[in-house]
Structures are given as C-alpha cells and as structure tokens.
Amino acid sequence: MSFHLSASDVHIDDNHILVAVLRDEEGEEHESTLNLDEFLGNNEGRFDWGGNGFSGSARDVTFSIEGGGEVPVLRAELANSEGEYFPADVNLSEHIENDNGKLVYQ
C-alpha cells in the first residue's frame, strides 16, 4: 500500500531520510525511517529511481503531501554536471511502501 495513506508525521530529516509513523496490520503505530540516498539518484538535474546519493548534489529539499492528500512529493533543486541547479520533484509513492509498519523500497 502507498505508505502515506497509513502514515502520520511524515517528514524528511537531513535532506535524505524519510521519517514516518506507520500503522501495521494490527493498527499499531511504529516510527520508521528510510535513507532515500540508497534508492534515489540525480541524473543531470532530475531524480533517478535506482540511482543513489541524490542529496550530495541537492539543495532546498522539501517534502509535502499534495493533490488533496494523495501524492507524497519530494522536491529539491538538483545540480547537473555543469553545476547548474534545476527544480525537480518525485512522487515517493512510486516506489516507497508501508510493509507492516516499515518503510520499504519496492
């Protein structure tokens, strides 16, 4: 299931750690973290699933739930190989899920 639909207090720490309080199958809450640098890269100023280390070339990293509460969006300015920064965003629910109270990359 999309993690944000069973989550509260979702935020980003240190520009790359996704933090959320998630409900498990019994409805109990657990704080979970996921290092997005392990799964998200920067490809010439664009987020790249399957890459890594995006935060090393990012600034102004923000997170919000958009679209009437339906879309968990990570935004940042990402540098290309020339050092120019470009606005970028990624829908975290494309690959992040709640697996019984734990954030997981799928």
PDB file of N, CA and C in Angstrom:
ATOM      1  N   MET A   1       0.841  -1.174   0.000  1.00  0.00           N
ATOM      2  CA  MET A   1       0.000   0.000   0.000  1.00  0.00           C
ATOM      3  C   MET A   1       0.887   1.237   0.000  1.00  0.00           C
ATOM      4  N   SER A   2       0.381   2.310  -0.582  1.00  0.00           N
ATOM      5  CA  SER A   2       1.123   3.570  -0.564  1.00  0.00           C
ATOM      6  C   SER A   2       1.338   3.996   0.878  1.00  0.00           C
ATOM      7  N   PHE A   3       2.572   4.216   1.234  1.00  0.00           N
ATOM      8  CA  PHE A   3       2.934   4.420   2.638  1.00  0.00           C
ATOM      9  C   PHE A   3       2.198   5.573   3.290  1.00  0.00           C
ATOM     10  N   HIS A   4       1.990   6.655   2.556  1.00  0.00           N
ATOM     11  CA  HIS A   4       1.439   7.869   3.155  1.00  0.00           C
ATOM     12  C   HIS A   4      -0.027   7.725   3.561  1.00  0.00           C
ATOM     13  N   LEU A   5      -0.729   6.732   3.003  1.00  0.00           N
ATOM     14  CA  LEU A   5      -2.141   6.545   3.335  1.00  0.00           C
ATOM     15  C   LEU A   5      -2.328   5.933   4.720  1.00  0.00           C
ATOM     16  N   SER A   6      -1.273   5.337   5.264  1.00  0.00           N
ATOM     17  CA  SER A   6      -1.341   4.753   6.609  1.00  0.00           C
ATOM     18  C   SER A   6      -0.280   5.376   7.514  1.00  0.00           C
ATOM     19  N   ALA A   7       0.041   6.646   7.249  1.00  0.00           N
ATOM     20  CA  ALA A   7       1.144   7.299   7.962  1.00  0.00           C
ATOM     21  C   ALA A   7       0.701   8.607   8.604  1.00  0.00           C
ATOM     22  N   SER A   8       1.482   9.004   9.601  1.00  0.00           N
ATOM     23  CA  SER A   8       1.351  10.338  10.184  1.00  0.00           C
ATOM     24  C   SER A   8       2.761  10.865  10.431  1.00  0.00           C
ATOM     25  N   ASP A   9       2.843  12.159  10.675  1.00  0.00           N
ATOM     26  CA  ASP A   9       4.122  12.813  10.965  1.00  0.00           C
ATOM     27  C   ASP A   9       5.198  12.456   9.935  1.00  0.00           C
ATOM     28  N   VAL A  10       4.836  12.523   8.654  1.00  0.00           N
ATOM     29  CA  VAL A  10       5.785  12.223   7.580  1.00  0.00           C
ATOM     30  C   VAL A  10       6.637  13.461   7.328  1.00  0.00           C
ATOM     31  N   HIS A  11       7.961  13.269   7.305  1.00  0.00           N
ATOM     32  CA  HIS A  11       8.865  14.389   7.038  1.00  0.00           C
ATOM     33  C   HIS A  11      10.226  13.866   6.581  1.00  0.00           C
ATOM     34  N   ILE A  12      11.076  14.799   6.183  1.00  0.00           N
ATOM     35  CA  ILE A  12      12.435  14.490   5.735  1.00  0.00           C
ATOM     36  C   ILE A  12      13.419  15.054   6.753  1.00  0.00           C
ATOM     37  N   ASP A  13      14.356  14.224   7.209  1.00  0.00           N
ATOM     38  CA  ASP A  13      15.455  14.660   8.074  1.00  0.00           C
ATOM     39  C   ASP A  13      16.747  14.674   7.265  1.00  0.00           C
ATOM     40  N   ASP A  14      17.603  15.629   7.559  1.00  0.00           N
ATOM     41  CA  ASP A  14      18.937  15.714   6.940  1.00  0.00           C
ATOM     42  C   ASP A  14      18.898  15.657   5.416  1.00  0.00           C
ATOM     43  N   ASN A  15      17.826  16.146   4.820  1.00  0.00           N
ATOM     44  CA  ASN A  15      17.663  16.239   3.360  1.00  0.00           C
ATOM     45  C   ASN A  15      17.568  14.904   2.634  1.00  0.00           C
ATOM     46  N   HIS A  16      17.606  13.761   3.360  1.00  0.00           N
ATOM     47  CA  HIS A  16      17.536  12.487   2.636  1.00  0.00           C
ATOM     48  C   HIS A  16      16.946  11.330   3.430  1.00  0.00           C
ATOM     49  N   ILE A  17      16.579  11.538   4.677  1.00  0.00           N
ATOM     50  CA  ILE A  17      15.999  10.468   5.490  1.00  0.00           C
ATOM     51  C   ILE A  17      14.483  10.678   5.576  1.00  0.00           C
ATOM     52  N   LEU A  18      13.723   9.754   4.987  1.00  0.00           N
ATOM     53  CA  LEU A  18      12.269   9.798   5.082  1.00  0.00           C
ATOM     54  C   LEU A  18      11.867   9.202   6.429  1.00  0.00           C
ATOM     55  N   VAL A  19      11.067   9.948   7.177  1.00  0.00           N
ATOM     56  CA  VAL A  19      10.618   9.526   8.505  1.00  0.00           C
ATOM     57  C   VAL A  19       9.093   9.539   8.508  1.00  0.00           C
ATOM     58  N   ALA A  20       8.492   8.488   9.070  1.00  0.00           N
ATOM     59  CA  ALA A  20       7.034   8.438   9.174  1.00  0.00           C
ATOM     60  C   ALA A  20       6.633   7.543  10.336  1.00  0.00           C
ATOM     61  N   VAL A  21       5.492   7.839  10.901  1.00  0.00           N
ATOM     62  CA  VAL A  21       4.854   6.940  11.857  1.00  0.00           C
ATOM     63  C   VAL A  21       3.831   6.148  11.058  1.00  0.00           C
ATOM     64  N   LEU A  22       4.025   4.827  10.998  1.00  0.00           N
ATOM     65  CA  LEU A  22       3.195   3.958  10.161  1.00  0.00           C
ATOM     66  C   LEU A  22       2.383   2.997  11.006  1.00  0.00           C
ATOM     67  N   ARG A  23       1.201   2.657  10.510  1.00  0.00           N
ATOM     68  CA  ARG A  23       0.382   1.635  11.149  1.00  0.00           C
ATOM     69  C   ARG A  23       0.711   0.276  10.543  1.00  0.00           C
ATOM     70  N   ASP A  24       0.769  -0.740  11.405  1.00  0.00           N
ATOM     71  CA  ASP A  24       0.968  -2.104  10.918  1.00  0.00           C
ATOM     72  C   ASP A  24      -0.397  -2.760  10.688  1.00  0.00           C
ATOM     73  N   GLU A  25      -0.402  -4.053  10.381  1.00  0.00           N
ATOM     74  CA  GLU A  25      -1.642  -4.758  10.062  1.00  0.00           C
ATOM     75  C   GLU A  25      -2.618  -4.805  11.234  1.00  0.00           C
ATOM     76  N   GLU A  26      -2.123  -4.678  12.462  1.00  0.00           N
ATOM     77  CA  GLU A  26      -2.997  -4.660  13.635  1.00  0.00           C
ATOM     78  C   GLU A  26      -3.410  -3.248  14.039  1.00  0.00           C
ATOM     79  N   GLY A  27      -2.941  -2.250  13.300  1.00  0.00           N
ATOM     80  CA  GLY A  27      -3.284  -0.872  13.599  1.00  0.00           C
ATOM     81  C   GLY A  27      -2.355  -0.195  14.583  1.00  0.00           C
ATOM     82  N   GLU A  28      -1.308  -0.893  15.019  1.00  0.00           N
ATOM     83  CA  GLU A  28      -0.345  -0.287  15.938  1.00  0.00           C
ATOM     84  C   GLU A  28       0.611   0.611  15.166  1.00  0.00           C
ATOM     85  N   GLU A  29       1.062   1.684  15.819  1.00  0.00           N
ATOM     86  CA  GLU A  29       1.940   2.654  15.171  1.00  0.00           C
ATOM     87  C   GLU A  29       3.405   2.380  15.480  1.00  0.00           C
ATOM     88  N   HIS A  30       4.248   2.592  14.466  1.00  0.00           N
ATOM     89  CA  HIS A  30       5.695   2.415  14.582  1.00  0.00           C
ATOM     90  C   HIS A  30       6.377   3.547  13.822  1.00  0.00           C
ATOM     91  N   GLU A  31       7.423   4.152  14.427  1.00  0.00           N
ATOM     92  CA  GLU A  31       8.216   5.112  13.665  1.00  0.00           C
ATOM     93  C   GLU A  31       9.178   4.331  12.777  1.00  0.00           C
ATOM     94  N   SER A  32       9.255   4.740  11.529  1.00  0.00           N
ATOM     95  CA  SER A  32      10.128   4.071  10.569  1.00  0.00           C
ATOM     96  C   SER A  32      10.912   5.122   9.798  1.00  0.00           C
ATOM     97  N   THR A  33      12.125   4.759   9.394  1.00  0.00           N
ATOM     98  CA  THR A  33      12.955   5.656   8.589  1.00  0.00           C
ATOM     99  C   THR A  33      13.463   4.912   7.362  1.00  0.00           C
ATOM    100  N   LEU A  34      13.747   5.671   6.314  1.00  0.00           N
ATOM    101  CA  LEU A  34      14.309   5.108   5.091  1.00  0.00           C
ATOM    102  C   LEU A  34      15.278   6.126   4.504  1.00  0.00           C
ATOM    103  N   ASN A  35      16.512   5.696   4.259  1.00  0.00           N
ATOM    104  CA  ASN A  35      17.529   6.561   3.675  1.00  0.00           C
ATOM    105  C   ASN A  35      17.300   6.616   2.165  1.00  0.00           C
ATOM    106  N   LEU A  36      16.733   7.717   1.691  1.00  0.00           N
ATOM    107  CA  LEU A  36      16.414   7.846   0.265  1.00  0.00           C
ATOM    108  C   LEU A  36      17.660   7.886  -0.609  1.00  0.00           C
ATOM    109  N   ASP A  37      18.813   8.254  -0.037  1.00  0.00           N
ATOM    110  CA  ASP A  37      20.058   8.258  -0.814  1.00  0.00           C
ATOM    111  C   ASP A  37      20.429   6.860  -1.311  1.00  0.00           C
ATOM    112  N   GLU A  38      19.883   5.823  -0.708  1.00  0.00           N
ATOM    113  CA  GLU A  38      20.172   4.458  -1.152  1.00  0.00           C
ATOM    114  C   GLU A  38      19.405   4.076  -2.412  1.00  0.00           C
ATOM    115  N   PHE A  39      18.341   4.842  -2.752  1.00  0.00           N
ATOM    116  CA  PHE A  39      17.452   4.457  -3.847  1.00  0.00           C
ATOM    117  C   PHE A  39      17.201   5.554  -4.871  1.00  0.00           C
ATOM    118  N   LEU A  40      17.544   6.789  -4.535  1.00  0.00           N
ATOM    119  CA  LEU A  40      17.299   7.930  -5.419  1.00  0.00           C
ATOM    120  C   LEU A  40      18.616   8.592  -5.786  1.00  0.00           C
ATOM    121  N   GLY A  41      18.817   8.757  -7.083  1.00  0.00           N
ATOM    122  CA  GLY A  41      19.996   9.454  -7.562  1.00  0.00           C
ATOM    123  C   GLY A  41      19.621  10.753  -8.240  1.00  0.00           C
ATOM    124  N   ASN A  42      20.611  11.406  -8.799  1.00  0.00           N
ATOM    125  CA  ASN A  42      20.447  12.634  -9.564  1.00  0.00           C
ATOM    126  C   ASN A  42      21.033  12.384 -10.942  1.00  0.00           C
ATOM    127  N   ASN A  43      20.186  12.446 -11.955  1.00  0.00           N
ATOM    128  CA  ASN A  43      20.626  12.279 -13.338  1.00  0.00           C
ATOM    129  C   ASN A  43      20.491  13.615 -14.051  1.00  0.00           C
ATOM    130  N   GLU A  44      21.573  14.379 -14.064  1.00  0.00           N
ATOM    131  CA  GLU A  44      21.609  15.675 -14.755  1.00  0.00           C
ATOM    132  C   GLU A  44      20.469  16.608 -14.334  1.00  0.00           C
ATOM    133  N   GLY A  45      20.231  16.677 -13.023  1.00  0.00           N
ATOM    134  CA  GLY A  45      19.227  17.604 -12.513  1.00  0.00           C
ATOM    135  C   GLY A  45      17.837  17.014 -12.373  1.00  0.00           C
ATOM    136  N   ARG A  46      17.711  15.700 -12.522  1.00  0.00           N
ATOM    137  CA  ARG A  46      16.421  15.024 -12.367  1.00  0.00           C
ATOM    138  C   ARG A  46      16.574  13.872 -11.379  1.00  0.00           C
ATOM    139  N   PHE A  47      15.534  13.650 -10.566  1.00  0.00           N
ATOM    140  CA  PHE A  47      15.550  12.484  -9.679  1.00  0.00           C
ATOM    141  C   PHE A  47      15.580  11.219 -10.518  1.00  0.00           C
ATOM    142  N   ASP A  48      16.316  10.220 -10.015  1.00  0.00           N
ATOM    143  CA  ASP A  48      16.503   8.970 -10.754  1.00  0.00           C
ATOM    144  C   ASP A  48      16.335   7.785  -9.802  1.00  0.00           C
ATOM    145  N   TRP A  49      15.149   7.106  -9.880  1.00  0.00           N
ATOM    146  CA  TRP A  49      14.941   5.898  -9.084  1.00  0.00           C
ATOM    147  C   TRP A  49      15.953   4.847  -9.504  1.00  0.00           C
ATOM    148  N   GLY A  50      16.500   4.148  -8.544  1.00  0.00           N
ATOM    149  CA  GLY A  50      17.503   3.134  -8.830  1.00  0.00           C
ATOM    150  C   GLY A  50      18.918   3.678  -8.775  1.00  0.00           C
ATOM    151  N   GLY A  51      19.032   4.996  -8.703  1.00  0.00           N
ATOM    152  CA  GLY A  51      20.338   5.619  -8.511  1.00  0.00           C
ATOM    153  C   GLY A  51      20.620   5.717  -7.021  1.00  0.00           C
ATOM    154  N   ASN A  52      21.584   6.546  -6.670  1.00  0.00           N
ATOM    155  CA  ASN A  52      21.856   6.757  -5.250  1.00  0.00           C
ATOM    156  C   ASN A  52      22.542   8.093  -5.041  1.00  0.00           C
ATOM    157  N   GLY A  53      22.479   8.580  -3.817  1.00  0.00           N
ATOM    158  CA  GLY A  53      23.224   9.765  -3.415  1.00  0.00           C
ATOM    159  C   GLY A  53      22.716  11.094  -3.924  1.00  0.00           C
ATOM    160  N   PHE A  54      21.403  11.223  -4.195  1.00  0.00           N
ATOM    161  CA  PHE A  54      20.895  12.482  -4.736  1.00  0.00           C
ATOM    162  C   PHE A  54      21.220  13.678  -3.850  1.00  0.00           C
ATOM    163  N   SER A  55      21.233  13.483  -2.525  1.00  0.00           N
ATOM    164  CA  SER A  55      21.365  14.634  -1.624  1.00  0.00           C
ATOM    165  C   SER A  55      22.731  15.303  -1.713  1.00  0.00           C
ATOM    166  N   GLY A  56      23.717  14.601  -2.254  1.00  0.00           N
ATOM    167  CA  GLY A  56      25.039  15.188  -2.405  1.00  0.00           C
ATOM    168  C   GLY A  56      25.092  16.317  -3.414  1.00  0.00           C
ATOM    169  N   SER A  57      24.078  16.397  -4.279  1.00  0.00           N
ATOM    170  CA  SER A  57      24.028  17.466  -5.283  1.00  0.00           C
ATOM    171  C   SER A  57      22.667  18.157  -5.262  1.00  0.00           C
ATOM    172  N   ALA A  58      22.064  18.217  -4.059  1.00  0.00           N
ATOM    173  CA  ALA A  58      20.739  18.816  -3.914  1.00  0.00           C
ATOM    174  C   ALA A  58      20.778  19.982  -2.937  1.00  0.00           C
ATOM    175  N   ARG A  59      19.858  20.903  -3.151  1.00  0.00           N
ATOM    176  CA  ARG A  59      19.645  21.981  -2.189  1.00  0.00           C
ATOM    177  C   ARG A  59      18.140  22.253  -2.115  1.00  0.00           C
ATOM    178  N   ASP A  60      17.746  22.938  -1.056  1.00  0.00           N
ATOM    179  CA  ASP A  60      16.336  23.292  -0.847  1.00  0.00           C
ATOM    180  C   ASP A  60      15.414  22.075  -0.935  1.00  0.00           C
ATOM    181  N   VAL A  61      15.775  21.008  -0.230  1.00  0.00           N
ATOM    182  CA  VAL A  61      14.975  19.782  -0.227  1.00  0.00           C
ATOM    183  C   VAL A  61      13.745  19.986   0.658  1.00  0.00           C
ATOM    184  N   THR A  62      12.561  19.677   0.112  1.00  0.00           N
ATOM    185  CA  THR A  62      11.311  19.784   0.859  1.00  0.00           C
ATOM    186  C   THR A  62      10.451  18.557   0.595  1.00  0.00           C
ATOM    187  N   PHE A  63       9.503  18.322   1.504  1.00  0.00           N
ATOM    188  CA  PHE A  63       8.550  17.230   1.345  1.00  0.00           C
ATOM    189  C   PHE A  63       7.164  17.755   1.665  1.00  0.00           C
ATOM    190  N   SER A  64       6.175  17.321   0.889  1.00  0.00           N
ATOM    191  CA  SER A  64       4.788  17.667   1.198  1.00  0.00           C
ATOM    192  C   SER A  64       3.857  16.615   0.603  1.00  0.00           C
ATOM    193  N   ILE A  65       2.669  16.532   1.194  1.00  0.00           N
ATOM    194  CA  ILE A  65       1.602  15.695   0.651  1.00  0.00           C
ATOM    195  C   ILE A  65       0.743  16.631  -0.185  1.00  0.00           C
ATOM    196  N   GLU A  66       0.605  16.335  -1.474  1.00  0.00           N
ATOM    197  CA  GLU A  66      -0.092  17.223  -2.395  1.00  0.00           C
ATOM    198  C   GLU A  66      -1.283  16.514  -3.030  1.00  0.00           C
ATOM    199  N   GLY A  67      -2.002  17.236  -3.869  1.00  0.00           N
ATOM    200  CA  GLY A  67      -3.120  16.643  -4.596  1.00  0.00           C
ATOM    201  C   GLY A  67      -4.237  16.166  -3.690  1.00  0.00           C
ATOM    202  N   GLY A  68      -4.612  16.989  -2.717  1.00  0.00           N
ATOM    203  CA  GLY A  68      -5.686  16.602  -1.814  1.00  0.00           C
ATOM    204  C   GLY A  68      -5.319  15.451  -0.903  1.00  0.00           C
ATOM    205  N   GLY A  69      -4.034  15.338  -0.564  1.00  0.00           N
ATOM    206  CA  GLY A  69      -3.581  14.293   0.336  1.00  0.00           C
ATOM    207  C   GLY A  69      -3.233  12.995  -0.345  1.00  0.00           C
ATOM    208  N   GLU A  70      -3.162  13.003  -1.661  1.00  0.00           N
ATOM    209  CA  GLU A  70      -2.954  11.769  -2.411  1.00  0.00           C
ATOM    210  C   GLU A  70      -1.520  11.513  -2.860  1.00  0.00           C
ATOM    211  N   VAL A  71      -0.687  12.560  -2.921  1.00  0.00           N
ATOM    212  CA  VAL A  71       0.634  12.393  -3.535  1.00  0.00           C
ATOM    213  C   VAL A  71       1.743  12.891  -2.601  1.00  0.00           C
ATOM    214  N   PRO A  72       2.624  11.974  -2.135  1.00  0.00           N
ATOM    215  CA  PRO A  72       3.763  12.384  -1.316  1.00  0.00           C
ATOM    216  C   PRO A  72       4.924  12.820  -2.216  1.00  0.00           C
ATOM    217  N   VAL A  73       5.222  14.116  -2.219  1.00  0.00           N
ATOM    218  CA  VAL A  73       6.168  14.681  -3.184  1.00  0.00           C
ATOM    219  C   VAL A  73       7.431  15.184  -2.489  1.00  0.00           C
ATOM    220  N   LEU A  74       8.577  14.721  -2.993  1.00  0.00           N
ATOM    221  CA  LEU A  74       9.880  15.236  -2.589  1.00  0.00           C
ATOM    222  C   LEU A  74      10.315  16.229  -3.655  1.00  0.00           C
ATOM    223  N   ARG A  75      10.668  17.437  -3.236  1.00  0.00           N
ATOM    224  CA  ARG A  75      11.135  18.473  -4.166  1.00  0.00           C
ATOM    225  C   ARG A  75      12.530  18.916  -3.756  1.00  0.00           C
ATOM    226  N   ALA A  76      13.308  19.307  -4.753  1.00  0.00           N
ATOM    227  CA  ALA A  76      14.645  19.834  -4.490  1.00  0.00           C
ATOM    228  C   ALA A  76      15.134  20.546  -5.736  1.00  0.00           C
ATOM    229  N   GLU A  77      16.197  21.291  -5.569  1.00  0.00           N
ATOM    230  CA  GLU A  77      16.958  21.773  -6.714  1.00  0.00           C
ATOM    231  C   GLU A  77      18.143  20.834  -6.842  1.00  0.00           C
ATOM    232  N   LEU A  78      18.287  20.221  -8.023  1.00  0.00           N
ATOM    233  CA  LEU A  78      19.356  19.252  -8.266  1.00  0.00           C
ATOM    234  C   LEU A  78      20.336  19.801  -9.287  1.00  0.00           C
ATOM    235  N   ALA A  79      21.615  19.604  -9.030  1.00  0.00           N
ATOM    236  CA  ALA A  79      22.664  20.102  -9.924  1.00  0.00           C
ATOM    237  C   ALA A  79      22.909  19.119 -11.063  1.00  0.00           C
ATOM    238  N   ASN A  80      23.208  19.686 -12.237  1.00  0.00           N
ATOM    239  CA  ASN A  80      23.672  18.837 -13.341  1.00  0.00           C
ATOM    240  C   ASN A  80      25.201  18.795 -13.311  1.00  0.00           C
ATOM    241  N   SER A  81      25.801  18.169 -14.304  1.00  0.00           N
ATOM    242  CA  SER A  81      27.261  18.019 -14.320  1.00  0.00           C
ATOM    243  C   SER A  81      27.993  19.345 -14.524  1.00  0.00           C
ATOM    244  N   GLU A  82      27.279  20.381 -14.959  1.00  0.00           N
ATOM    245  CA  GLU A  82      27.871  21.712 -15.128  1.00  0.00           C
ATOM    246  C   GLU A  82      27.758  22.550 -13.852  1.00  0.00           C
ATOM    247  N   GLY A  83      27.073  22.000 -12.840  1.00  0.00           N
ATOM    248  CA  GLY A  83      26.889  22.736 -11.597  1.00  0.00           C
ATOM    249  C   GLY A  83      25.678  23.648 -11.597  1.00  0.00           C
ATOM    250  N   GLU A  84      24.848  23.570 -12.637  1.00  0.00           N
ATOM    251  CA  GLU A  84      23.621  24.358 -12.699  1.00  0.00           C
ATOM    252  C   GLU A  84      22.526  23.600 -11.948  1.00  0.00           C
ATOM    253  N   TYR A  85      21.705  24.341 -11.205  1.00  0.00           N
ATOM    254  CA  TYR A  85      20.631  23.720 -10.423  1.00  0.00           C
ATOM    255  C   TYR A  85      19.292  23.857 -11.139  1.00  0.00           C
ATOM    256  N   PHE A  86      18.502  22.796 -11.050  1.00  0.00           N
ATOM    257  CA  PHE A  86      17.190  22.748 -11.683  1.00  0.00           C
ATOM    258  C   PHE A  86      16.155  22.247 -10.684  1.00  0.00           C
ATOM    259  N   PRO A  87      14.938  22.819 -10.711  1.00  0.00           N
ATOM    260  CA  PRO A  87      13.889  22.297  -9.835  1.00  0.00           C
ATOM    261  C   PRO A  87      13.508  20.885 -10.271  1.00  0.00           C
ATOM    262  N   ALA A  88      13.331  20.007  -9.287  1.00  0.00           N
ATOM    263  CA  ALA A  88      12.975  18.617  -9.584  1.00  0.00           C
ATOM    264  C   ALA A  88      11.997  18.131  -8.522  1.00  0.00           C
ATOM    265  N   ASP A  89      11.175  17.172  -8.890  1.00  0.00           N
ATOM    266  CA  ASP A  89      10.271  16.562  -7.919  1.00  0.00           C
ATOM    267  C   ASP A  89      10.079  15.098  -8.263  1.00  0.00           C
ATOM    268  N   VAL A  90       9.676  14.335  -7.243  1.00  0.00           N
ATOM    269  CA  VAL A  90       9.431  12.913  -7.431  1.00  0.00           C
ATOM    270  C   VAL A  90       8.305  12.487  -6.494  1.00  0.00           C
ATOM    271  N   ASN A  91       7.419  11.643  -7.009  1.00  0.00           N
ATOM    272  CA  ASN A  91       6.329  11.063  -6.233  1.00  0.00           C
ATOM    273  C   ASN A  91       6.890   9.859  -5.489  1.00  0.00           C
ATOM    274  N   LEU A  92       7.030   9.964  -4.177  1.00  0.00           N
ATOM    275  CA  LEU A  92       7.652   8.892  -3.404  1.00  0.00           C
ATOM    276  C   LEU A  92       6.813   7.618  -3.376  1.00  0.00           C
ATOM    277  N   SER A  93       5.506   7.720  -3.612  1.00  0.00           N
ATOM    278  CA  SER A  93       4.681   6.510  -3.587  1.00  0.00           C
ATOM    279  C   SER A  93       4.903   5.629  -4.816  1.00  0.00           C
ATOM    280  N   GLU A  94       5.675   6.105  -5.792  1.00  0.00           N
ATOM    281  CA  GLU A  94       6.015   5.259  -6.943  1.00  0.00           C
ATOM    282  C   GLU A  94       6.790   4.023  -6.502  1.00  0.00           C
ATOM    283  N   HIS A  95       7.626   4.165  -5.456  1.00  0.00           N
ATOM    284  CA  HIS A  95       8.472   3.045  -5.036  1.00  0.00           C
ATOM    285  C   HIS A  95       8.557   2.817  -3.529  1.00  0.00           C
ATOM    286  N   ILE A  96       7.961   3.683  -2.720  1.00  0.00           N
ATOM    287  CA  ILE A  96       8.041   3.524  -1.267  1.00  0.00           C
ATOM    288  C   ILE A  96       6.694   3.024  -0.752  1.00  0.00           C
ATOM    289  N   GLU A  97       6.747   1.978   0.067  1.00  0.00           N
ATOM    290  CA  GLU A  97       5.527   1.386   0.604  1.00  0.00           C
ATOM    291  C   GLU A  97       5.647   1.154   2.104  1.00  0.00           C
ATOM    292  N   ASN A  98       4.488   0.912   2.720  1.00  0.00           N
ATOM    293  CA  ASN A  98       4.411   0.503   4.118  1.00  0.00           C
ATOM    294  C   ASN A  98       4.298  -1.012   4.137  1.00  0.00           C
ATOM    295  N   ASP A  99       5.323  -1.677   4.647  1.00  0.00           N
ATOM    296  CA  ASP A  99       5.303  -3.134   4.793  1.00  0.00           C
ATOM    297  C   ASP A  99       5.143  -3.462   6.275  1.00  0.00           C
ATOM    298  N   ASN A 100       3.885  -3.541   6.701  1.00  0.00           N
ATOM    299  CA  ASN A 100       3.549  -3.894   8.080  1.00  0.00           C
ATOM    300  C   ASN A 100       4.253  -2.996   9.104  1.00  0.00           C
ATOM    301  N   GLY A 101       4.189  -1.684   8.854  1.00  0.00           N
ATOM    302  CA  GLY A 101       4.750  -0.720   9.797  1.00  0.00           C
ATOM    303  C   GLY A 101       6.173  -0.294   9.513  1.00  0.00           C
ATOM    304  N   LYS A 102       6.726  -0.706   8.361  1.00  0.00           N
ATOM    305  CA  LYS A 102       8.096  -0.326   7.992  1.00  0.00           C
ATOM    306  C   LYS A 102       8.115   0.273   6.591  1.00  0.00           C
ATOM    307  N   LEU A 103       8.865   1.366   6.433  1.00  0.00           N
ATOM    308  CA  LEU A 103       9.074   1.943   5.106  1.00  0.00           C
ATOM    309  C   LEU A 103       9.998   1.029   4.313  1.00  0.00           C
ATOM    310  N   VAL A 104       9.586   0.686   3.091  1.00  0.00           N
ATOM    311  CA  VAL A 104      10.416  -0.162   2.236  1.00  0.00           C
ATOM    312  C   VAL A 104      10.408   0.382   0.812  1.00  0.00           C
ATOM    313  N   TYR A 105      11.513   0.162   0.123  1.00  0.00           N
ATOM    314  CA  TYR A 105      11.643   0.496  -1.295  1.00  0.00           C
ATOM    315  C   TYR A 105      11.217  -0.726  -2.098  1.00  0.00           C
ATOM    316  N   GLN A 106      10.341  -0.520  -3.073  1.00  0.00           N
ATOM    317  CA  GLN A 106       9.872  -1.622  -3.935  1.00  0.00           C
ATOM    318  C   GLN A 106      10.244  -1.336  -5.371  1.00  0.00           C
TER     319      GLN A 106
END
